[in-house]
Amino acid sequence: MSTMLARRSLARAVAQPAAALGAAPANARNMATLREIELRLKSVRNIEKITKSMKMIASTKLAKAQRAMDAGKKYGIANNEVFNHVPSDKPTPNKLFIVISSDKGLCGGIHSSVSKATRRALANVEDSPLANANANDAKVDPSSSVMVIGDKSKAQLQRQLGGNIQMTFNQIGRDIPTFTDAATVADLIVSSGVKYDSVVLIYNKFVSAISYEAAAMEIKGEAALKESDSFKVYENEDDATQDLAEFSLANAIYAALVEGHACEQSARRNAMDNASKNATDMIGTLQMQYNRGRQAAITNELVDIITGASAL
């Protein structure tokens, strides 16, 4: 008898609707969704405030970086004039590649630009430093040495070029690069003991406020200067030749640093501007979803109230 009663009770429980068993109301999922949308709206609004602030800061720094770049370019122009007037027939098969980047992110593809250019350059050492080649499929010359300025490019190049990297630098040019920073880097490169015939600087060239491109600058070493017929006319001593080679390297590094810094600030401003626009669009979409969900929840509650009143 008790077994039959238990079976009947179980059958009645199964036949009853889910709401009678203590399940959540029909609009519970809708309320949870509204809560999630509200939290996401708050998060996106906070992100929008941050990106707008970073855009304003980058815009302010870009003006200073452009002034420093215009002054620093004069060093690079003078440096090129020296090497254009002292051509050398001595081949420079042993090249040292210096990648100029920075330690900070949130600036678009500024770091991957020089990283890809470095892979192409190492795959075509005997040709132009930035010859067209597939950076992923190209074979890297194991004898080439690489030095990296900036932690971001170092992390990108470490996997494929870990055996070629001889030295890395960070905390260089945190604000606006100075000639002292460039001279310090040049002194460490010269005293590192790495043998090279020429130095190839790979950096970002400032095209306009909204664009940049990877570029390469080659600086002849001390041996190439000694072999130049135009340079031999002056009958300089070895110490003078060594000092000129180191000073020319510091000049070129300084010109590349200030130009790369201007590209970084420009790219960060553009990236934060795009992020702010995307956040604004996302806020509009989420606000519409929230309003529709809230309206549906209110409509359901009104239907329940009207239905209950009619039943009474």
Protein backbone atom coordinates (compact mmCIF):
# COMPACT_ATOMS: atom_id res chain seq x y z
CA MET A 1 0.00 0.00 0.00
CA SER A 2 2.79 2.42 0.89
CA THR A 3 4.58 1.54 -2.33
CA MET A 4 1.49 2.45 -4.38
CA LEU A 5 1.13 5.79 -2.53
CA ALA A 6 4.79 6.61 -3.18
CA ARG A 7 4.38 5.87 -6.88
CA ARG A 8 1.27 8.07 -7.10
CA SER A 9 3.04 10.94 -5.33
CA LEU A 10 6.02 10.66 -7.69
CA ALA A 11 3.68 10.62 -10.71
CA ARG A 12 1.90 13.76 -9.48
CA ALA A 13 5.23 15.52 -8.90
CA VAL A 14 6.42 14.66 -12.40
CA ALA A 15 3.12 15.79 -13.93
CA GLN A 16 3.28 19.19 -12.21
CA PRO A 17 4.87 22.15 -14.11
CA ALA A 18 8.40 23.29 -13.29
CA ALA A 19 7.21 26.50 -11.59
CA ALA A 20 5.29 24.44 -9.02
CA LEU A 21 8.50 22.60 -8.08
CA GLY A 22 10.24 25.76 -6.91
CA ALA A 23 12.05 26.51 -10.20
CA ALA A 24 13.22 30.04 -11.05
CA PRO A 25 10.62 32.35 -12.59
CA ALA A 26 10.47 32.77 -16.34
CA ASN A 27 12.07 36.23 -16.29
CA ALA A 28 14.99 35.18 -14.03
CA ARG A 29 17.25 34.60 -17.01
CA ASN A 30 16.26 37.97 -18.41
CA MET A 31 17.18 39.69 -15.15
CA ALA A 32 20.54 37.92 -15.07
CA THR A 33 21.19 39.02 -18.63
CA LEU A 34 20.32 42.62 -17.78
CA ARG A 35 22.72 42.51 -14.84
CA GLU A 36 25.51 41.16 -17.06
CA ILE A 37 24.88 43.83 -19.69
CA GLU A 38 24.91 46.53 -17.01
CA LEU A 39 28.25 45.34 -15.66
CA ARG A 40 29.70 45.15 -19.14
CA LEU A 41 28.47 48.66 -19.91
CA LYS A 42 30.21 49.95 -16.82
CA SER A 43 33.43 48.18 -17.79
CA VAL A 44 33.40 49.49 -21.38
CA ARG A 45 32.72 53.04 -20.16
CA ASN A 46 35.74 52.84 -17.85
CA ILE A 47 37.88 51.56 -20.72
CA GLU A 48 36.67 54.43 -22.90
CA LYS A 49 37.75 56.95 -20.26
CA ILE A 50 41.21 55.36 -20.11
CA THR A 51 41.71 55.28 -23.88
CA LYS A 52 40.59 58.90 -24.25
CA SER A 53 43.04 59.97 -21.54
CA MET A 54 45.87 58.02 -23.17
CA LYS A 55 45.03 59.59 -26.53
CA MET A 56 45.29 63.09 -25.04
CA ILE A 57 48.61 62.26 -23.37
CA ALA A 58 49.99 60.76 -26.59
CA SER A 59 48.90 63.82 -28.57
CA THR A 60 50.79 66.06 -26.15
CA LYS A 61 53.90 63.89 -26.28
CA LEU A 62 53.74 63.66 -30.08
CA ALA A 63 54.29 67.40 -30.48
CA LYS A 64 57.42 67.22 -28.29
CA ALA A 65 58.61 64.07 -30.07
CA GLN A 66 58.28 65.73 -33.49
CA ARG A 67 60.38 68.69 -32.37
CA ALA A 68 63.03 66.33 -31.02
CA MET A 69 62.89 64.32 -34.25
CA ASP A 70 63.45 67.41 -36.41
CA ALA A 71 66.50 68.29 -34.32
CA GLY A 72 67.80 64.71 -34.25
CA LYS A 73 67.46 64.23 -38.00
CA LYS A 74 70.24 66.76 -38.50
CA TYR A 75 72.63 64.33 -36.83
CA GLY A 76 71.58 61.58 -39.22
CA ILE A 77 71.87 63.82 -42.28
CA ALA A 78 75.36 64.94 -41.30
CA ASN A 79 76.30 61.34 -40.64
CA ASN A 80 75.14 60.26 -44.10
CA GLU A 81 77.07 63.08 -45.72
CA VAL A 82 80.29 61.81 -44.15
CA PHE A 83 79.87 58.27 -45.46
CA ASN A 84 78.66 59.43 -48.88
CA HIS A 85 81.92 61.29 -49.35
CA VAL A 86 84.10 58.40 -48.16
CA PRO A 87 82.99 55.47 -50.32
CA SER A 88 84.75 52.18 -49.68
CA ASP A 89 85.18 49.20 -51.99
CA LYS A 90 85.88 46.92 -49.06
CA PRO A 91 83.03 44.37 -48.74
CA THR A 92 81.21 44.21 -45.43
CA PRO A 93 79.92 40.65 -45.13
CA ASN A 94 79.93 40.66 -41.34
CA LYS A 95 77.00 42.89 -40.40
CA LEU A 96 75.71 43.79 -36.97
CA PHE A 97 71.95 44.43 -36.89
CA ILE A 98 70.60 46.81 -34.27
CA VAL A 99 66.82 46.77 -33.84
CA ILE A 100 65.41 49.97 -32.38
CA SER A 101 62.08 49.66 -30.59
CA SER A 102 60.80 50.49 -27.08
CA ASP A 103 59.62 48.89 -23.84
CA LYS A 104 56.00 50.09 -23.99
CA GLY A 105 52.99 48.61 -25.75
CA LEU A 106 49.51 49.78 -26.75
CA CYS A 107 50.89 51.40 -29.89
CA GLY A 108 49.62 49.26 -32.75
CA GLY A 109 52.08 47.33 -34.90
CA ILE A 110 55.06 49.55 -34.20
CA HIS A 111 57.13 46.70 -32.73
CA SER A 112 56.12 43.95 -35.16
CA SER A 113 57.08 46.28 -38.03
CA VAL A 114 60.78 46.33 -37.12
CA SER A 115 60.71 42.67 -36.05
CA LYS A 116 59.47 41.55 -39.47
CA ALA A 117 61.98 43.83 -41.18
CA THR A 118 64.77 42.29 -39.09
CA ARG A 119 63.80 38.76 -40.15
CA ARG A 120 63.77 39.82 -43.79
CA ALA A 121 67.12 41.55 -43.43
CA LEU A 122 68.78 38.53 -41.80
CA ALA A 123 67.44 36.30 -44.57
CA ASN A 124 68.99 38.57 -47.22
CA VAL A 125 72.24 39.68 -45.64
CA GLU A 126 74.12 39.89 -48.94
CA ASP A 127 71.34 41.86 -50.64
CA SER A 128 69.50 44.97 -49.56
CA PRO A 129 68.90 45.01 -45.79
CA LEU A 130 65.14 45.19 -46.34
CA ALA A 131 64.81 43.01 -49.44
CA ASN A 132 61.42 41.49 -50.11
CA ALA A 133 61.18 38.03 -48.63
CA ASN A 134 58.73 36.02 -46.64
CA ALA A 135 59.85 36.61 -43.07
CA ASN A 136 58.29 33.37 -41.84
CA ASP A 137 59.79 31.03 -44.45
CA ALA A 138 63.18 32.70 -44.91
CA LYS A 139 66.33 31.11 -43.51
CA VAL A 140 68.24 33.20 -41.02
CA ASP A 141 72.00 33.61 -41.38
CA PRO A 142 73.46 32.03 -38.22
CA SER A 143 76.63 34.14 -38.38
CA SER A 144 74.86 37.52 -38.13
CA SER A 145 74.76 39.27 -34.78
CA VAL A 146 71.70 41.11 -33.50
CA MET A 147 71.29 43.66 -30.72
CA VAL A 148 67.85 44.87 -29.65
CA ILE A 149 66.85 48.15 -28.02
CA GLY A 150 63.46 47.64 -26.36
CA ASP A 151 61.81 44.72 -24.57
CA LYS A 152 58.85 44.42 -26.95
CA SER A 153 60.87 43.58 -30.06
CA LYS A 154 63.16 41.42 -27.95
CA ALA A 155 60.21 39.23 -26.96
CA GLN A 156 59.11 38.94 -30.59
CA LEU A 157 62.57 38.05 -31.92
CA GLN A 158 63.68 35.81 -29.06
CA ARG A 159 61.97 32.68 -30.38
CA GLN A 160 63.35 32.71 -33.93
CA LEU A 161 66.57 34.69 -33.47
CA GLY A 162 67.54 33.69 -29.97
CA GLY A 163 70.91 32.39 -31.13
CA ASN A 164 71.74 35.61 -32.99
CA ILE A 165 70.91 38.07 -30.21
CA GLN A 166 74.14 39.20 -28.53
CA MET A 167 72.93 42.07 -26.35
CA THR A 168 69.67 43.79 -25.42
CA PHE A 169 68.93 47.22 -23.98
CA ASN A 170 65.91 48.52 -22.10
CA GLN A 171 64.87 51.73 -20.35
CA ILE A 172 66.36 53.67 -23.28
CA GLY A 173 64.46 56.80 -24.19
CA ARG A 174 61.60 56.39 -21.73
CA ASP A 175 60.64 60.01 -22.32
CA ILE A 176 62.48 61.67 -25.25
CA PRO A 177 65.75 60.01 -26.29
CA THR A 178 68.87 62.08 -25.78
CA PHE A 179 72.30 61.93 -27.36
CA THR A 180 73.61 60.67 -24.02
CA ASP A 181 71.42 57.58 -24.37
CA ALA A 182 72.69 56.98 -27.89
CA ALA A 183 76.33 57.50 -26.84
CA THR A 184 75.91 55.03 -23.98
CA VAL A 185 74.49 52.40 -26.32
CA ALA A 186 77.29 52.99 -28.86
CA ASP A 187 79.95 52.68 -26.15
CA LEU A 188 78.48 49.39 -24.91
CA ILE A 189 78.33 48.03 -28.47
CA VAL A 190 81.96 48.93 -29.17
CA SER A 191 83.17 47.51 -25.85
CA SER A 192 81.08 44.32 -26.17
CA GLY A 193 83.70 42.58 -28.31
CA VAL A 194 81.29 41.71 -31.13
CA LYS A 195 83.15 41.82 -34.45
CA TYR A 196 81.45 43.60 -37.35
CA ASP A 197 82.35 45.35 -40.59
CA SER A 198 79.24 47.51 -40.69
CA VAL A 199 76.20 48.25 -38.55
CA VAL A 200 72.65 48.12 -39.92
CA LEU A 201 70.10 50.08 -37.88
CA ILE A 202 66.51 48.89 -38.36
CA TYR A 203 64.00 51.40 -37.08
CA ASN A 204 60.61 52.97 -37.86
CA LYS A 205 60.71 55.89 -40.26
CA PHE A 206 58.25 58.71 -39.62
CA VAL A 207 56.17 59.29 -42.78
CA SER A 208 53.29 61.33 -41.40
CA ALA A 209 51.20 61.66 -38.25
CA ILE A 210 49.17 58.61 -39.26
CA SER A 211 51.73 56.37 -40.99
CA TYR A 212 55.22 54.96 -40.62
CA GLU A 213 57.38 52.34 -42.29
CA ALA A 214 60.35 50.18 -41.44
CA ALA A 215 63.68 51.53 -42.69
CA ALA A 216 67.35 50.59 -42.51
CA MET A 217 70.47 52.70 -42.14
CA GLU A 218 73.96 51.24 -42.67
CA ILE A 219 77.05 52.65 -40.96
CA LYS A 220 80.52 51.58 -41.97
CA GLY A 221 82.87 50.30 -39.32
CA GLU A 222 86.41 51.33 -38.50
CA ALA A 223 88.02 48.95 -41.00
CA ALA A 224 85.84 50.22 -43.86
CA LEU A 225 86.82 53.80 -43.06
CA LYS A 226 90.51 52.93 -43.14
CA GLU A 227 90.13 51.30 -46.57
CA SER A 228 88.45 54.38 -48.06
CA ASP A 229 90.70 56.25 -50.50
CA SER A 230 89.04 59.56 -49.67
CA PHE A 231 89.65 59.02 -45.98
CA LYS A 232 93.29 58.01 -46.45
CA VAL A 233 94.10 61.46 -47.82
CA TYR A 234 93.90 62.97 -44.33
CA GLU A 235 96.43 60.50 -42.87
CA ASN A 236 94.57 60.18 -39.59
CA GLU A 237 95.85 58.10 -36.73
CA ASP A 238 94.17 54.88 -35.67
CA ASP A 239 92.72 56.45 -32.54
CA ALA A 240 91.09 59.21 -34.57
CA THR A 241 89.56 56.68 -36.96
CA GLN A 242 88.22 54.63 -34.07
CA ASP A 243 86.73 57.71 -32.39
CA LEU A 244 85.10 58.83 -35.63
CA ALA A 245 83.55 55.39 -36.19
CA GLU A 246 82.14 55.35 -32.65
CA PHE A 247 80.88 58.93 -32.90
CA SER A 248 79.22 58.21 -36.24
CA LEU A 249 77.51 55.17 -34.73
CA ALA A 250 76.22 57.26 -31.83
CA ASN A 251 74.92 59.91 -34.25
CA ALA A 252 73.04 57.33 -36.31
CA ILE A 253 71.57 55.65 -33.22
CA TYR A 254 70.38 58.99 -31.87
CA ALA A 255 68.70 59.92 -35.16
CA ALA A 256 66.97 56.53 -35.30
CA LEU A 257 65.90 56.70 -31.64
CA VAL A 258 64.19 60.08 -31.90
CA GLU A 259 62.45 59.12 -35.15
CA GLY A 260 61.29 55.81 -33.69
CA HIS A 261 60.01 57.62 -30.60
CA ALA A 262 57.94 59.98 -32.74
CA CYS A 263 56.50 56.99 -34.63
CA GLU A 264 55.64 55.31 -31.33
CA GLN A 265 53.72 58.32 -30.00
CA SER A 266 51.90 58.75 -33.30
CA ALA A 267 50.94 55.06 -33.42
CA ARG A 268 49.78 55.13 -29.78
CA ARG A 269 47.60 58.15 -30.40
CA ASN A 270 46.01 56.51 -33.44
CA ALA A 271 45.54 53.22 -31.57
CA MET A 272 43.87 54.90 -28.61
CA ASP A 273 41.67 56.94 -30.95
CA ASN A 274 40.49 53.76 -32.68
CA ALA A 275 39.96 52.07 -29.31
CA SER A 276 37.85 54.99 -28.08
CA LYS A 277 35.70 54.86 -31.22
CA ASN A 278 35.23 51.11 -30.85
CA ALA A 279 34.27 51.56 -27.20
CA THR A 280 31.72 54.21 -28.15
CA ASP A 281 30.15 51.89 -30.72
CA MET A 282 30.09 49.02 -28.23
CA ILE A 283 28.44 51.23 -25.58
CA GLY A 284 25.69 52.12 -28.06
CA THR A 285 25.08 48.47 -28.92
CA LEU A 286 25.04 47.36 -25.28
CA GLN A 287 22.77 50.25 -24.27
CA MET A 288 20.27 49.23 -26.93
CA GLN A 289 20.37 45.60 -25.76
CA TYR A 290 19.89 46.73 -22.15
CA ASN A 291 16.93 48.95 -23.03
CA ARG A 292 15.27 46.20 -25.04
CA GLY A 293 15.78 43.62 -22.29
CA ARG A 294 14.50 46.00 -19.61
CA GLN A 295 11.44 46.84 -21.70
CA ALA A 296 10.74 43.12 -22.23
CA ALA A 297 11.04 42.45 -18.49
CA ILE A 298 8.63 45.30 -17.65
CA THR A 299 6.19 44.06 -20.28
CA ASN A 300 6.25 40.54 -18.83
CA GLU A 301 5.59 41.89 -15.34
CA LEU A 302 2.68 43.97 -16.59
CA VAL A 303 1.22 40.94 -18.35
CA ASP A 304 1.46 38.92 -15.13
CA ILE A 305 -0.23 41.71 -13.12
CA ILE A 306 -3.04 42.16 -15.64
CA THR A 307 -3.57 38.40 -15.91
CA GLY A 308 -3.73 38.06 -12.12
CA ALA A 309 -6.16 40.95 -11.81
CA SER A 310 -8.41 39.45 -14.47
CA ALA A 311 -8.38 36.11 -12.70
CA LEU A 312 -9.44 37.75 -9.44
